[in-house]
Each structure stands twice: as structure tokens, then as C-alpha cells.
Amino acid sequence: MNAVSVCSLWLLCLSFSAVGLTTPITSAAECHPIVATVVSVQGRVEVRRVNVEQWQPVSLHDIFCAGDRIRVGNGGRADIALANRAVLRLDQNTTITLGGIQKEQTVLVVLIESVTDVFIRAIRAIEVKAQFVSAGAGETEGLIRIRDTRTDITILNGKGVVARDEGTFSLTGWESVFSAKGKALV
């Protein structure tokens, strides 16, 4: 091989590498409808897109699709504006999966793990599925905390409904309920 051929081959490989580095693994802009948008991010916040194994850093104004999983690392925080204008404030050590938009503009959020708090400000309906319990709310501010053995839900303002296999429990401002495996709502 002469020097020109080696140089051409090297430039060709370099250009393919540059394209690979600048093209996202999957584009959230390809989904419809868009389920959520990042409105604030601090520290390590990552997303694992549907059908992608790798976690990617989250930036301000990133958009999310149904099935995207978001995790907030130690010391991190993120505010996620859902498509129905509800806002999730994710604290450190929290992982959620966005389940998509359900009937009547309800956005489903599956709370996988949280050792601190998830603050919710819902102008429209939101449904949260967490360990041991599900909750639904509209025009509400609330707090959800998941621990290894229980899930706590507090409605700060407005109304919410908490459900388990044995039934439902209605909450209004400054009321709380907790649910543990094998125990009734308290």
C-alpha cells in the first residue's frame, strides 16, 4: 500500500468514528407522543432508552418516550415535565420508567426505586405504580418515598387515591398512607 492509500483509509475510518460519536444511540425525537421533557438537571442523571442497553447522560430539554427509564445518581436531582403538564421532582438515588400517556391525558409513571423522595405537582391526572401500591392524582402536590420494606405516600395539597389488592384509600391535603408487603394500608 502506498502512503496515499493508507492516508485515505485512515481518513475514512476517522470519519466513520466521528459520525458514530455524534449520532445518538436512539433518538427520543423519533417517538410520538413525547411523554416528558427535562426542565432542570443537577448532578448525574441518566436515561436508558427503549431497546437500548446503555445508560446515557441527560441534558436540559431532553425529551423522553414511553418506556424510557430515568435514574438519578447520588447527589443528583431532576425536574421532569410530563406531557400533561404535571411535574416530577426526582431526588437522588431514584429510578423511574415512563409508561406513556393513558386515557384522558393521564401519564403513567412506574417508580422503580427511591431511597429519598419524589415530589409530584400534577395539574392533570397522573398514575404512579410503586412497590406495594399504586396511586392516582390530579390537581395535586404529593410526595412518594420507597424503602426496602414499604412505600409512603403523602398528599400535600389536593386529593389522591391509593390502591392495593384489598381496596382503595382516599387522601386529601396533609394526609399520608404507607403500604408494606403483606400488610394493609395504614
C-alpha atoms as a PDB file:
ATOM      1  CA  MET A   1       0.000   0.000   0.000  1.00  0.00           C
ATOM      2  CA  ASN A   2       1.274   3.433  -0.813  1.00  0.00           C
ATOM      3  CA  ALA A   3       1.156   6.424   1.540  1.00  0.00           C
ATOM      4  CA  VAL A   4      -1.884   7.970  -0.215  1.00  0.00           C
ATOM      5  CA  SER A   5      -3.930   4.758   0.177  1.00  0.00           C
ATOM      6  CA  VAL A   6      -3.012   4.417   3.850  1.00  0.00           C
ATOM      7  CA  CYS A   7      -3.878   8.077   4.466  1.00  0.00           C
ATOM      8  CA  SER A   8      -7.220   7.702   2.618  1.00  0.00           C
ATOM      9  CA  LEU A   9      -8.088   4.569   4.587  1.00  0.00           C
ATOM     10  CA  TRP A  10      -7.174   6.319   7.846  1.00  0.00           C
ATOM     11  CA  LEU A  11      -9.380   9.356   6.988  1.00  0.00           C
ATOM     12  CA  LEU A  12     -12.281   7.075   6.044  1.00  0.00           C
ATOM     13  CA  CYS A  13     -12.060   5.227   9.383  1.00  0.00           C
ATOM     14  CA  LEU A  14     -11.776   8.508  11.274  1.00  0.00           C
ATOM     15  CA  SER A  15     -14.864   9.957   9.547  1.00  0.00           C
ATOM     16  CA  PHE A  16     -16.963   6.864  10.413  1.00  0.00           C
ATOM     17  CA  SER A  17     -15.793   7.120  14.017  1.00  0.00           C
ATOM     18  CA  ALA A  18     -16.754  10.794  14.201  1.00  0.00           C
ATOM     19  CA  VAL A  19     -20.232  10.062  12.825  1.00  0.00           C
ATOM     20  CA  GLY A  20     -20.662   7.309  15.410  1.00  0.00           C
ATOM     21  CA  LEU A  21     -19.681   9.657  18.235  1.00  0.00           C
ATOM     22  CA  THR A  22     -22.089  12.413  17.204  1.00  0.00           C
ATOM     23  CA  THR A  23     -25.127  10.263  16.416  1.00  0.00           C
ATOM     24  CA  PRO A  24     -27.218   9.310  19.445  1.00  0.00           C
ATOM     25  CA  ILE A  25     -27.831   5.626  20.010  1.00  0.00           C
ATOM     26  CA  THR A  26     -31.529   6.229  19.716  1.00  0.00           C
ATOM     27  CA  SER A  27     -33.356   9.468  19.205  1.00  0.00           C
ATOM     28  CA  ALA A  28     -36.201  10.385  21.507  1.00  0.00           C
ATOM     29  CA  ALA A  29     -37.373  12.800  18.804  1.00  0.00           C
ATOM     30  CA  GLU A  30     -38.495   9.733  16.846  1.00  0.00           C
ATOM     31  CA  CYS A  31     -41.233   8.875  19.329  1.00  0.00           C
ATOM     32  CA  HIS A  32     -44.772  10.118  19.274  1.00  0.00           C
ATOM     33  CA  PRO A  33     -46.232  11.228  21.535  1.00  0.00           C
ATOM     34  CA  ILE A  34     -43.434  12.724  23.602  1.00  0.00           C
ATOM     35  CA  VAL A  35     -44.127  11.750  27.226  1.00  0.00           C
ATOM     36  CA  ALA A  36     -41.816  14.112  29.143  1.00  0.00           C
ATOM     37  CA  THR A  37     -39.138  16.812  28.928  1.00  0.00           C
ATOM     38  CA  VAL A  38     -36.262  17.641  31.285  1.00  0.00           C
ATOM     39  CA  VAL A  39     -36.720  21.135  32.743  1.00  0.00           C
ATOM     40  CA  SER A  40     -33.948  21.011  35.362  1.00  0.00           C
ATOM     41  CA  VAL A  41     -30.975  18.722  35.924  1.00  0.00           C
ATOM     42  CA  GLN A  42     -28.201  18.679  38.543  1.00  0.00           C
ATOM     43  CA  GLY A  43     -25.507  16.078  39.023  1.00  0.00           C
ATOM     44  CA  ARG A  44     -25.618  12.630  37.443  1.00  0.00           C
ATOM     45  CA  VAL A  45     -28.920  11.952  35.692  1.00  0.00           C
ATOM     46  CA  GLU A  46     -29.100   9.235  33.028  1.00  0.00           C
ATOM     47  CA  VAL A  47     -31.624   7.691  30.657  1.00  0.00           C
ATOM     48  CA  ARG A  48     -31.849   4.206  29.212  1.00  0.00           C
ATOM     49  CA  ARG A  49     -33.976   4.422  26.094  1.00  0.00           C
ATOM     50  CA  VAL A  50     -36.329   1.677  24.988  1.00  0.00           C
ATOM     51  CA  ASN A  51     -34.425  -1.191  23.321  1.00  0.00           C
ATOM     52  CA  VAL A  52     -31.048   0.274  24.334  1.00  0.00           C
ATOM     53  CA  GLU A  53     -28.859  -1.351  26.970  1.00  0.00           C
ATOM     54  CA  GLN A  54     -26.567   1.609  27.691  1.00  0.00           C
ATOM     55  CA  TRP A  55     -27.317   4.463  30.069  1.00  0.00           C
ATOM     56  CA  GLN A  56     -26.783   7.908  28.513  1.00  0.00           C
ATOM     57  CA  PRO A  57     -26.346  11.291  30.257  1.00  0.00           C
ATOM     58  CA  VAL A  58     -29.434  13.515  30.412  1.00  0.00           C
ATOM     59  CA  SER A  59     -29.248  17.192  29.462  1.00  0.00           C
ATOM     60  CA  LEU A  60     -31.615  20.105  29.883  1.00  0.00           C
ATOM     61  CA  HIS A  61     -34.544  19.961  27.411  1.00  0.00           C
ATOM     62  CA  ASP A  62     -34.029  16.267  26.557  1.00  0.00           C
ATOM     63  CA  ILE A  63     -37.281  14.531  25.689  1.00  0.00           C
ATOM     64  CA  PHE A  64     -38.482  11.092  26.741  1.00  0.00           C
ATOM     65  CA  CYS A  65     -40.671   8.420  25.195  1.00  0.00           C
ATOM     66  CA  ALA A  66     -42.891   5.742  26.704  1.00  0.00           C
ATOM     67  CA  GLY A  67     -40.701   3.020  28.170  1.00  0.00           C
ATOM     68  CA  ASP A  68     -37.649   5.229  28.777  1.00  0.00           C
ATOM     69  CA  ARG A  69     -36.057   4.640  32.175  1.00  0.00           C
ATOM     70  CA  ILE A  70     -34.552   7.605  34.066  1.00  0.00           C
ATOM     71  CA  ARG A  71     -32.184   7.292  37.013  1.00  0.00           C
ATOM     72  CA  VAL A  72     -30.762   9.970  39.257  1.00  0.00           C
ATOM     73  CA  GLY A  73     -27.414   9.262  40.879  1.00  0.00           C
ATOM     74  CA  ASN A  74     -26.146  10.113  44.343  1.00  0.00           C
ATOM     75  CA  GLY A  75     -26.248  13.888  44.816  1.00  0.00           C
ATOM     76  CA  GLY A  76     -28.276  14.412  41.625  1.00  0.00           C
ATOM     77  CA  ARG A  77     -31.707  15.930  41.031  1.00  0.00           C
ATOM     78  CA  ALA A  78     -34.001  16.367  38.038  1.00  0.00           C
ATOM     79  CA  ASP A  79     -37.330  18.010  37.286  1.00  0.00           C
ATOM     80  CA  ILE A  80     -39.282  16.229  34.576  1.00  0.00           C
ATOM     81  CA  ALA A  81     -42.276  17.967  32.963  1.00  0.00           C
ATOM     82  CA  LEU A  82     -44.766  15.365  31.782  1.00  0.00           C
ATOM     83  CA  ALA A  83     -46.786  15.843  28.597  1.00  0.00           C
ATOM     84  CA  ASN A  84     -49.905  16.692  30.627  1.00  0.00           C
ATOM     85  CA  ARG A  85     -48.018  19.488  32.484  1.00  0.00           C
ATOM     86  CA  ALA A  86     -47.521  17.513  35.694  1.00  0.00           C
ATOM     87  CA  VAL A  87     -44.001  17.867  37.111  1.00  0.00           C
ATOM     88  CA  LEU A  88     -41.956  15.147  38.802  1.00  0.00           C
ATOM     89  CA  ARG A  89     -39.094  16.289  41.005  1.00  0.00           C
ATOM     90  CA  LEU A  90     -36.730  13.334  41.214  1.00  0.00           C
ATOM     91  CA  ASP A  91     -34.279  13.331  44.081  1.00  0.00           C
ATOM     92  CA  GLN A  92     -31.018  11.413  44.293  1.00  0.00           C
ATOM     93  CA  ASN A  93     -30.995   7.611  44.055  1.00  0.00           C
ATOM     94  CA  THR A  94     -34.315   7.456  42.200  1.00  0.00           C
ATOM     95  CA  THR A  95     -35.169   5.352  39.148  1.00  0.00           C
ATOM     96  CA  ILE A  96     -38.425   5.625  37.195  1.00  0.00           C
ATOM     97  CA  THR A  97     -39.873   4.256  33.978  1.00  0.00           C
ATOM     98  CA  LEU A  98     -42.242   6.402  31.937  1.00  0.00           C
ATOM     99  CA  GLY A  99     -45.216   4.272  30.965  1.00  0.00           C
ATOM    100  CA  GLY A 100     -46.788   6.573  28.418  1.00  0.00           C
ATOM    101  CA  ILE A 101     -49.952   8.600  28.126  1.00  0.00           C
ATOM    102  CA  GLN A 102     -53.102   6.744  29.141  1.00  0.00           C
ATOM    103  CA  LYS A 103     -56.758   7.706  28.742  1.00  0.00           C
ATOM    104  CA  GLU A 104     -57.792  11.308  29.442  1.00  0.00           C
ATOM    105  CA  GLN A 105     -54.192  12.589  29.370  1.00  0.00           C
ATOM    106  CA  THR A 106     -53.155  10.523  32.402  1.00  0.00           C
ATOM    107  CA  VAL A 107     -49.405   9.893  32.386  1.00  0.00           C
ATOM    108  CA  LEU A 108     -48.258   6.597  33.891  1.00  0.00           C
ATOM    109  CA  VAL A 109     -45.025   6.624  35.908  1.00  0.00           C
ATOM    110  CA  VAL A 110     -43.553   3.426  37.314  1.00  0.00           C
ATOM    111  CA  LEU A 111     -41.380   4.216  40.321  1.00  0.00           C
ATOM    112  CA  ILE A 112     -38.722   1.534  40.442  1.00  0.00           C
ATOM    113  CA  GLU A 113     -36.512   2.700  43.275  1.00  0.00           C
ATOM    114  CA  SER A 114     -36.235   5.721  45.513  1.00  0.00           C
ATOM    115  CA  VAL A 115     -34.385   5.954  48.771  1.00  0.00           C
ATOM    116  CA  THR A 116     -35.287   9.605  49.051  1.00  0.00           C
ATOM    117  CA  ASP A 117     -38.323  11.478  47.720  1.00  0.00           C
ATOM    118  CA  VAL A 118     -40.224  12.009  44.500  1.00  0.00           C
ATOM    119  CA  PHE A 119     -42.236  15.237  44.591  1.00  0.00           C
ATOM    120  CA  ILE A 120     -45.214  15.411  42.233  1.00  0.00           C
ATOM    121  CA  ARG A 121     -47.087  18.521  41.147  1.00  0.00           C
ATOM    122  CA  ALA A 122     -49.948  17.323  38.953  1.00  0.00           C
ATOM    123  CA  ILE A 123     -52.178  19.807  37.160  1.00  0.00           C
ATOM    124  CA  ARG A 124     -53.752  16.938  35.263  1.00  0.00           C
ATOM    125  CA  ALA A 125     -54.029  13.262  36.085  1.00  0.00           C
ATOM    126  CA  ILE A 126     -51.026  11.131  36.933  1.00  0.00           C
ATOM    127  CA  GLU A 127     -50.840   7.472  37.890  1.00  0.00           C
ATOM    128  CA  VAL A 128     -47.860   6.156  39.824  1.00  0.00           C
ATOM    129  CA  LYS A 129     -47.118   2.470  40.299  1.00  0.00           C
ATOM    130  CA  ALA A 130     -44.686   1.812  43.105  1.00  0.00           C
ATOM    131  CA  GLN A 131     -43.580  -1.111  45.208  1.00  0.00           C
ATOM    132  CA  PHE A 132     -46.569  -2.500  47.173  1.00  0.00           C
ATOM    133  CA  VAL A 133     -49.038   0.194  45.978  1.00  0.00           C
ATOM    134  CA  SER A 134     -50.469   2.324  43.140  1.00  0.00           C
ATOM    135  CA  ALA A 135     -51.599   5.942  43.392  1.00  0.00           C
ATOM    136  CA  GLY A 136     -53.573   8.302  41.202  1.00  0.00           C
ATOM    137  CA  ALA A 137     -53.975  12.050  41.496  1.00  0.00           C
ATOM    138  CA  GLY A 138     -54.987  15.193  39.664  1.00  0.00           C
ATOM    139  CA  GLU A 139     -54.513  18.844  40.643  1.00  0.00           C
ATOM    140  CA  THR A 140     -52.322  17.604  43.473  1.00  0.00           C
ATOM    141  CA  GLU A 141     -48.946  18.020  45.106  1.00  0.00           C
ATOM    142  CA  GLY A 142     -47.594  14.940  46.784  1.00  0.00           C
ATOM    143  CA  LEU A 143     -44.573  13.003  47.920  1.00  0.00           C
ATOM    144  CA  ILE A 144     -43.711   9.339  47.331  1.00  0.00           C
ATOM    145  CA  ARG A 145     -40.948   7.532  49.174  1.00  0.00           C
ATOM    146  CA  ILE A 146     -39.948   3.922  48.542  1.00  0.00           C
ATOM    147  CA  ARG A 147     -37.919   1.956  51.058  1.00  0.00           C
ATOM    148  CA  ASP A 148     -36.899  -1.693  51.001  1.00  0.00           C
ATOM    149  CA  THR A 149     -39.897  -2.771  53.044  1.00  0.00           C
ATOM    150  CA  ARG A 150     -42.536  -0.085  52.449  1.00  0.00           C
ATOM    151  CA  THR A 151     -43.820   2.760  50.291  1.00  0.00           C
ATOM    152  CA  ASP A 152     -45.031   6.051  51.828  1.00  0.00           C
ATOM    153  CA  ILE A 153     -47.401   8.417  50.006  1.00  0.00           C
ATOM    154  CA  THR A 154     -48.288  11.900  51.288  1.00  0.00           C
ATOM    155  CA  ILE A 155     -50.729  14.305  49.639  1.00  0.00           C
ATOM    156  CA  LEU A 156     -49.599  17.844  50.450  1.00  0.00           C
ATOM    157  CA  ASN A 157     -52.341  19.680  48.602  1.00  0.00           C
ATOM    158  CA  GLY A 158     -55.358  18.406  46.664  1.00  0.00           C
ATOM    159  CA  LYS A 159     -56.655  14.837  46.519  1.00  0.00           C
ATOM    160  CA  GLY A 160     -55.278  11.427  45.692  1.00  0.00           C
ATOM    161  CA  VAL A 161     -56.311   7.790  45.661  1.00  0.00           C
ATOM    162  CA  VAL A 162     -54.056   4.962  46.793  1.00  0.00           C
ATOM    163  CA  ALA A 163     -54.876   1.396  45.783  1.00  0.00           C
ATOM    164  CA  ARG A 164     -53.814  -2.115  46.675  1.00  0.00           C
ATOM    165  CA  ASP A 165     -55.321  -5.521  46.117  1.00  0.00           C
ATOM    166  CA  GLU A 166     -57.514  -5.189  49.210  1.00  0.00           C
ATOM    167  CA  GLY A 167     -59.032  -1.838  48.210  1.00  0.00           C
ATOM    168  CA  THR A 168     -58.546   1.902  47.840  1.00  0.00           C
ATOM    169  CA  PHE A 169     -57.894   4.732  50.249  1.00  0.00           C
ATOM    170  CA  SER A 170     -58.610   8.430  49.530  1.00  0.00           C
ATOM    171  CA  LEU A 171     -56.218  11.125  50.733  1.00  0.00           C
ATOM    172  CA  THR A 172     -56.562  14.902  50.936  1.00  0.00           C
ATOM    173  CA  GLY A 173     -54.146  17.666  51.940  1.00  0.00           C
ATOM    174  CA  TRP A 174     -51.522  16.681  54.516  1.00  0.00           C
ATOM    175  CA  GLU A 175     -52.685  13.081  54.778  1.00  0.00           C
ATOM    176  CA  SER A 176     -50.344  10.119  54.416  1.00  0.00           C
ATOM    177  CA  VAL A 177     -50.565   6.406  53.929  1.00  0.00           C
ATOM    178  CA  PHE A 178     -47.935   3.720  53.874  1.00  0.00           C
ATOM    179  CA  SER A 179     -48.005   0.287  52.386  1.00  0.00           C
ATOM    180  CA  ALA A 180     -45.771  -2.644  53.221  1.00  0.00           C
ATOM    181  CA  LYS A 181     -45.582  -6.117  51.759  1.00  0.00           C
ATOM    182  CA  GLY A 182     -48.186  -8.358  53.338  1.00  0.00           C
ATOM    183  CA  LYS A 183     -49.797  -5.550  55.370  1.00  0.00           C
ATOM    184  CA  ALA A 184     -52.904  -3.434  54.865  1.00  0.00           C
ATOM    185  CA  LEU A 185     -52.704   0.259  54.007  1.00  0.00           C
ATOM    186  CA  VAL A 186     -52.080   2.374  57.097  1.00  0.00           C
END
